[in-house]
Protein backbone atom coordinates (compact mmCIF):
# COMPACT_ATOMS: atom_id res chain seq x y z
CA UNK A 1 51.94 161.55 124.78
CA UNK A 2 50.83 158.41 122.44
CA UNK A 3 52.30 157.32 119.82
CA UNK A 4 49.24 158.76 117.71
CA UNK A 5 50.41 162.32 118.84
CA UNK A 6 54.19 161.73 118.30
CA UNK A 7 54.05 160.90 114.50
CA UNK A 8 53.30 156.69 115.14
CA UNK A 9 51.82 154.56 112.30
CA UNK A 10 48.22 155.08 113.51
CA UNK A 11 45.46 157.30 114.00
CA UNK A 12 46.62 161.16 113.02
CA UNK A 13 48.15 162.99 115.39
CA UNK A 14 45.87 165.44 117.76
CA UNK A 15 47.45 168.11 119.92
CA UNK A 16 46.84 167.57 123.39
CA UNK A 17 43.48 168.72 124.38
CA UNK A 18 43.18 171.65 127.27
CA UNK A 19 40.07 170.79 128.17
CA UNK A 20 38.64 167.38 129.83
CA UNK A 21 38.37 164.53 127.42
CA UNK A 22 34.80 163.93 126.25
CA UNK A 23 32.79 160.72 127.16
CA UNK A 24 32.85 158.28 124.26
CA UNK A 25 29.77 158.23 122.09
CA UNK A 26 27.73 155.74 120.29
CA UNK A 27 25.79 155.34 117.19
CA UNK A 28 22.66 153.10 116.43
CA UNK A 29 23.23 150.85 113.42
CA UNK A 30 21.34 148.48 111.31
CA UNK A 31 23.68 145.49 112.83
CA UNK A 32 27.31 144.51 112.49
CA UNK A 33 28.09 145.25 109.06
CA UNK A 34 27.00 148.61 108.87
CA UNK A 35 28.75 149.35 112.08
CA UNK A 36 32.01 147.85 110.69
CA UNK A 37 31.96 150.13 108.05
CA UNK A 38 31.31 152.89 110.03
CA UNK A 39 34.20 152.09 112.03
CA UNK A 40 36.84 151.75 108.57
CA UNK A 41 35.54 155.15 107.60
CA UNK A 42 35.81 156.87 110.74
CA UNK A 43 39.48 155.52 111.10
CA UNK A 44 40.11 156.32 107.14
CA UNK A 45 39.05 160.07 108.22
CA UNK A 46 40.62 160.21 111.41
CA UNK A 47 44.31 158.88 109.59
CA UNK A 48 44.02 161.85 107.04
CA UNK A 49 42.25 160.17 104.45
CA UNK A 50 43.70 156.28 103.69
CA UNK A 51 44.24 153.68 106.31
CA UNK A 52 45.57 149.76 105.72
CA UNK A 53 43.33 147.40 107.63
CA UNK A 54 44.84 144.46 109.17
CA UNK A 55 42.93 141.52 110.30
CA UNK A 56 43.07 137.90 111.01
CA UNK A 57 41.70 135.16 108.60
CA UNK A 58 38.91 135.05 111.22
CA UNK A 59 37.64 138.09 110.82
CA UNK A 60 33.77 138.81 109.17
CA UNK A 61 33.90 139.37 105.78
CA UNK A 62 31.85 142.66 106.04
CA UNK A 63 35.17 144.10 106.86
CA UNK A 64 37.08 143.09 103.57
CA UNK A 65 33.89 144.62 101.61
CA UNK A 66 33.85 147.78 103.63
CA UNK A 67 37.54 148.24 102.92
CA UNK A 68 36.84 147.78 98.97
CA UNK A 69 33.70 150.22 99.31
CA UNK A 70 35.94 152.97 101.14
CA UNK A 71 38.41 152.26 98.43
CA UNK A 72 41.09 151.31 100.95
CA UNK A 73 43.95 148.82 100.22
CA UNK A 74 43.58 145.26 100.28
CA UNK A 75 43.37 143.96 103.70
CA UNK A 76 46.41 142.16 105.09
CA UNK A 77 45.37 138.91 106.96
CA UNK A 78 47.11 137.77 109.66
CA UNK A 79 47.14 133.68 110.42
CA UNK A 80 44.24 132.63 113.19
CA UNK A 81 46.12 128.87 113.53
CA UNK A 82 43.73 128.37 116.47
CA UNK A 83 41.21 130.20 115.02
CA UNK A 84 42.16 133.32 116.76
CA UNK A 85 44.19 136.13 115.38
CA UNK A 86 47.93 135.31 116.65
CA UNK A 87 49.66 138.23 118.44
CA UNK A 88 52.85 137.05 117.37
CA UNK A 89 52.23 137.15 113.78
CA UNK A 90 50.32 140.48 114.15
CA UNK A 91 53.45 141.97 115.53
CA UNK A 92 55.06 140.81 112.64
CA UNK A 93 52.62 142.55 110.28
CA UNK A 94 52.72 145.94 112.17
CA UNK A 95 56.65 146.17 112.14
CA UNK A 96 57.15 145.61 108.22
CA UNK A 97 53.84 147.68 107.20
CA UNK A 98 54.01 151.19 106.78
CA UNK A 99 51.10 153.21 108.40
CA UNK A 100 48.62 154.54 109.09
CA UNK A 101 46.97 150.88 110.08
CA UNK A 102 43.63 149.80 111.72
CA UNK A 103 43.94 146.32 113.33
CA UNK A 104 40.52 144.92 113.12
CA UNK A 105 40.25 142.26 116.26
CA UNK A 106 36.75 139.77 116.65
CA UNK A 107 35.43 138.85 120.01
CA UNK A 108 32.90 135.90 118.94
CA UNK A 109 33.80 134.98 115.59
CA UNK A 110 31.18 133.91 112.97
CA UNK A 111 32.10 129.91 112.44
CA UNK A 112 32.88 128.90 116.40
CA UNK A 113 32.68 132.06 118.82
CA UNK A 114 35.95 132.47 119.47
CA UNK A 115 37.33 135.11 121.12
CA UNK A 116 40.54 136.80 119.78
CA UNK A 117 43.50 137.46 122.64
CA UNK A 118 42.18 141.17 123.15
CA UNK A 119 44.57 142.25 125.83
CA UNK A 120 47.75 141.13 123.51
CA UNK A 121 46.30 142.66 120.28
CA UNK A 122 45.60 145.79 121.99
CA UNK A 123 49.15 145.77 123.58
CA UNK A 124 50.76 145.35 119.86
CA UNK A 125 48.64 148.22 118.62
CA UNK A 126 49.54 150.42 121.71
CA UNK A 127 53.12 149.52 120.67
CA UNK A 128 53.20 150.25 117.03
CA UNK A 129 50.81 153.22 117.03
CA UNK A 130 48.03 151.18 115.35
CA UNK A 131 44.12 152.44 115.55
CA UNK A 132 41.97 149.24 117.35
CA UNK A 133 38.72 148.15 116.12
CA UNK A 134 37.16 145.22 117.75
CA UNK A 135 34.01 143.69 116.26
CA UNK A 136 32.13 142.20 119.17
CA UNK A 137 28.86 141.96 117.37
CA UNK A 138 28.47 138.34 118.94
CA UNK A 139 30.16 138.36 122.07
CA UNK A 140 29.75 142.07 123.36
CA UNK A 141 26.73 140.85 125.30
CA UNK A 142 29.25 138.68 127.70
CA UNK A 143 29.33 142.61 129.43
CA UNK A 144 26.20 141.82 131.08
CA UNK A 145 27.47 138.43 132.60
CA UNK A 146 29.36 139.09 136.08
CA UNK A 147 30.42 135.54 135.06
CA UNK A 148 31.90 136.04 131.61
CA UNK A 149 32.70 139.58 131.35
CA UNK A 150 36.18 138.79 132.05
CA UNK A 151 36.51 137.32 128.85
CA UNK A 152 36.25 140.74 127.11
CA UNK A 153 39.14 141.99 128.89
CA UNK A 154 40.76 144.50 126.76
CA UNK A 155 37.53 145.70 125.03
CA UNK A 156 38.18 148.94 126.13
CA UNK A 157 41.51 149.59 124.47
CA UNK A 158 39.57 149.55 121.57
CA UNK A 159 38.91 152.87 119.30
CA UNK A 160 35.68 151.36 118.24
CA UNK A 161 33.47 148.67 118.91
CA UNK A 162 31.15 147.00 117.05
CA UNK A 163 28.25 145.35 118.91
CA UNK A 164 24.58 144.03 117.51
CA UNK A 165 22.08 143.07 120.24
CA UNK A 166 20.26 141.14 118.09
CA UNK A 167 22.37 138.33 118.97
CA UNK A 168 23.31 138.27 122.94
CA UNK A 169 20.58 141.08 123.79
CA UNK A 170 17.51 139.44 122.29
CA UNK A 171 16.20 142.06 119.79
CA UNK A 172 14.68 141.96 116.64
CA UNK A 173 16.93 143.74 113.80
CA UNK A 174 17.68 146.24 113.50
CA UNK A 175 20.00 146.31 116.77
CA UNK A 176 23.41 147.23 116.14
CA UNK A 177 25.86 149.60 118.13
CA UNK A 178 29.22 151.28 117.12
CA UNK A 179 30.85 152.58 120.27
CA UNK A 180 33.58 155.47 119.73
CA UNK A 181 36.13 155.80 122.56
CA UNK A 182 36.96 159.38 121.18
CA UNK A 183 33.54 161.27 119.96
CA UNK A 184 36.31 163.74 118.03
CA UNK A 185 36.27 161.12 115.41
CA UNK A 186 32.58 161.14 114.52
CA UNK A 187 33.42 164.54 113.08
CA UNK A 188 34.02 163.18 109.87
CA UNK A 189 30.02 162.70 109.75
CA UNK A 190 28.83 166.22 110.26
CA UNK A 191 26.74 167.61 108.23
CA UNK A 192 24.75 171.19 107.97
CA UNK A 193 20.88 171.12 106.89
CA UNK A 194 19.04 174.04 108.47
CA UNK A 195 15.98 171.97 108.37
CA UNK A 196 17.24 169.36 110.61
CA UNK A 197 19.80 170.67 112.42
CA UNK A 198 19.89 174.81 112.98
CA UNK A 199 22.04 176.32 115.27
CA UNK A 200 18.78 177.73 117.29
CA UNK A 201 17.26 174.51 117.33
CA UNK A 202 20.84 172.66 118.99
CA UNK A 203 21.57 175.67 121.04
CA UNK A 204 17.59 175.27 122.46
CA UNK A 205 18.72 171.40 123.51
CA UNK A 206 17.21 169.56 120.33
CA UNK A 207 19.30 166.73 119.59
CA UNK A 208 21.47 167.01 116.35
CA UNK A 209 21.48 163.33 114.56
CA UNK A 210 22.58 164.30 111.43
CA UNK A 211 26.36 163.57 112.10
CA UNK A 212 25.77 160.65 114.05
CA UNK A 213 24.48 158.12 110.89
CA UNK A 214 25.04 157.45 107.37
CA UNK A 215 21.33 157.47 107.04
CA UNK A 216 18.80 160.16 107.30
CA UNK A 217 15.20 158.93 107.84
CA UNK A 218 15.68 156.30 110.48
CA UNK A 219 13.37 153.96 112.34
CA UNK A 220 13.50 154.47 116.42
CA UNK A 221 15.86 151.22 117.05
CA UNK A 222 17.16 152.38 120.22
CA UNK A 223 13.38 152.48 121.70
CA UNK A 224 13.56 148.71 121.98
CA UNK A 225 16.96 148.69 123.30
CA UNK A 226 15.94 151.04 125.96
CA UNK A 227 12.69 149.34 126.85
CA UNK A 228 14.59 146.23 127.26
CA UNK A 229 17.41 147.79 129.26
CA UNK A 230 14.86 149.60 131.95
CA UNK A 231 12.37 146.41 132.00
CA UNK A 232 15.60 143.66 132.72
CA UNK A 233 18.82 145.78 133.55
CA UNK A 234 22.40 144.59 132.98
CA UNK A 235 21.43 142.09 135.91
CA UNK A 236 18.51 140.54 133.99
CA UNK A 237 20.10 140.25 130.58
CA UNK A 238 23.33 138.81 132.25
CA UNK A 239 20.75 136.17 133.41
CA UNK A 240 19.79 135.14 129.99
CA UNK A 241 23.45 135.24 128.89
CA UNK A 242 24.93 133.11 131.45
CA UNK A 243 21.50 130.52 130.40
CA UNK A 244 22.32 130.33 126.82
CA UNK A 245 26.08 129.73 128.02
CA UNK A 246 25.61 126.60 130.09
CA UNK A 247 23.19 125.09 127.57
CA UNK A 248 25.64 125.77 124.77
CA UNK A 249 28.01 123.89 127.33
CA UNK A 250 25.10 121.20 128.13
CA UNK A 251 24.92 120.33 124.49
CA UNK A 252 28.63 120.31 123.81
CA UNK A 253 28.86 117.58 126.62
CA UNK A 254 25.92 115.76 124.98
CA UNK A 255 27.59 115.58 121.89
CA UNK A 256 31.03 114.43 123.34
CA UNK A 257 29.22 111.60 125.39
CA UNK A 258 27.30 110.25 122.04
CA UNK A 259 29.25 107.63 120.32
CA UNK A 260 27.68 108.87 116.93
CA UNK A 261 29.09 112.32 116.80
CA UNK A 262 32.45 114.21 116.85
CA UNK A 263 32.72 117.85 119.14
CA UNK A 264 34.75 120.32 117.37
CA UNK A 265 35.54 122.02 121.05
CA UNK A 266 33.83 123.10 123.91
CA UNK A 267 31.80 126.56 123.25
CA UNK A 268 33.44 129.53 124.56
CA UNK A 269 30.38 131.45 123.94
CA UNK A 270 26.67 129.52 122.80
CA UNK A 271 28.22 128.04 119.52
CA UNK A 272 28.65 124.52 119.40
CA UNK A 273 30.35 122.58 116.57
CA UNK A 274 29.60 118.94 115.59
CA UNK A 275 29.02 116.69 113.06
CA UNK A 276 28.12 112.70 112.52
CA UNK A 277 30.79 110.75 113.18
CA UNK A 278 32.55 109.42 110.01
CA UNK A 279 30.39 111.69 107.82
CA UNK A 280 31.50 113.02 104.44
CA UNK A 281 31.40 116.78 104.16
CA UNK A 282 28.91 116.27 101.30
CA UNK A 283 27.05 114.17 103.67
CA UNK A 284 26.86 117.00 106.55
CA UNK A 285 26.13 119.39 103.95
CA UNK A 286 22.97 117.42 102.72
CA UNK A 287 21.67 116.57 106.51
CA UNK A 288 21.56 120.34 107.38
CA UNK A 289 20.07 121.33 103.81
CA UNK A 290 17.50 118.47 104.50
CA UNK A 291 16.60 119.58 107.69
CA UNK A 292 16.13 122.96 106.62
CA UNK A 293 13.72 122.08 103.73
CA UNK A 294 11.81 119.88 105.95
CA UNK A 295 11.11 122.15 108.47
CA UNK A 296 12.87 120.50 111.22
CA UNK A 297 15.53 122.40 112.21
CA UNK A 298 17.64 125.45 111.18
CA UNK A 299 21.54 124.79 111.69
CA UNK A 300 24.32 126.60 110.32
CA UNK A 301 27.45 125.63 108.55
CA UNK A 302 31.05 126.12 109.33
CA UNK A 303 34.66 125.27 108.36
CA UNK A 304 37.04 125.70 111.00
CA UNK A 305 39.32 123.07 109.77
CA UNK A 306 39.67 121.16 106.66
CA UNK A 307 36.30 119.73 107.89
CA UNK A 308 32.47 120.97 107.46
CA UNK A 309 30.73 121.36 110.52
CA UNK A 310 27.26 121.75 111.70
CA UNK A 311 26.88 124.88 113.72
CA UNK A 312 24.14 125.19 116.59
CA UNK A 313 24.53 129.09 117.96
CA UNK A 314 22.37 128.87 121.26
CA UNK A 315 20.60 131.87 122.18
CA UNK A 316 16.83 131.30 123.21
CA UNK A 317 17.16 130.69 127.18
CA UNK A 318 14.19 128.75 127.43
CA UNK A 319 16.03 125.85 125.52
CA UNK A 320 15.91 122.81 127.75
CA UNK A 321 17.65 119.32 127.84
CA UNK A 322 14.92 117.74 126.07
CA UNK A 323 15.45 120.25 123.01
CA UNK A 324 19.28 119.37 122.98
CA UNK A 325 18.48 115.46 122.98
CA UNK A 326 15.83 115.94 120.16
CA UNK A 327 18.49 118.05 117.78
CA UNK A 328 20.48 115.10 117.92
CA UNK A 329 17.92 112.57 117.21
CA UNK A 330 16.71 114.60 114.08
CA UNK A 331 20.48 115.00 113.29
CA UNK A 332 21.00 110.93 113.98
CA UNK A 333 17.97 110.14 111.69
CA UNK A 334 18.39 112.48 108.58
CA UNK A 335 21.69 111.09 108.55
CA UNK A 336 20.59 107.76 108.48
CA UNK A 337 17.93 108.03 105.60
CA UNK A 338 20.72 110.08 103.52
CA UNK A 339 23.43 106.84 104.09
CA UNK A 340 21.60 103.77 104.87
CA UNK A 341 18.00 104.77 103.34
CA UNK A 342 16.41 103.99 106.23
CA UNK A 343 15.08 105.96 109.86
CA UNK A 344 16.59 104.35 112.98
CA UNK A 345 14.03 103.70 115.85
């Protein structure tokens, strides 16, 4: 019997099942934001109507917004000194906070694509009887890759997992998923409408989807996912994942060798943070906006530390060395025009 069944501080207490457990379930969503919102909703209902969210300072903003939207207490933010959730600080928080508690870990942070130490976090959750949600909207696609999937060790310990295949799945939006370990958690979404899920239709084998979403009218977004998986399979998608991760490492090495740029860190997935050496934050921001408005390059921005960094999230498997060199030249040239008033040769 786990801590939740014996009255721990996590999800509520279900009696031991007399039949084999049902297989995990999943929901199609519009993306990571909706998946995170549903994860908090299911946790709240499984915990008897209220739950306290505990997450790292690196957590996606949609989690705090979902907590507010669902009327939950203010989330408890755990320090992320190295950009990832610190298990020791998490343990301290879980020890002092009253339950029920929901821990949200991240596999693929928005700023730098970092992955929280999932096995250690899962162990802390199990010890304190807390539910675990993992936001793997970005990093979840590593599961396709034999080379990189070990980075997600510990993912299977989660009660719910957010995935978003418009990133490392190459799908047009919407392409979100919420995986649910215990399908009984989905009963919170159950509704009856005779014209949609009459008992005789359900008994005859027609699918009942009314309890699988907060939406009623839905696009057939699962079709494009099914076609992609049927066409490429896990091996084909894994090859694409390997390619963009390798390209990110190549770009990071190019930045690191360049005397005019600073590299934040080696990429964990396919995000590279860099900035012109000696540039001010205002200049970095101006370079990014100029490249965007000029129609030359679309770069993100991130502040993982005290400085502002340019963010290149490499997701196109066709990107090659010439493209990477050209990007650095564009940034160099735009920086020069802003700082020195001329374009380098």
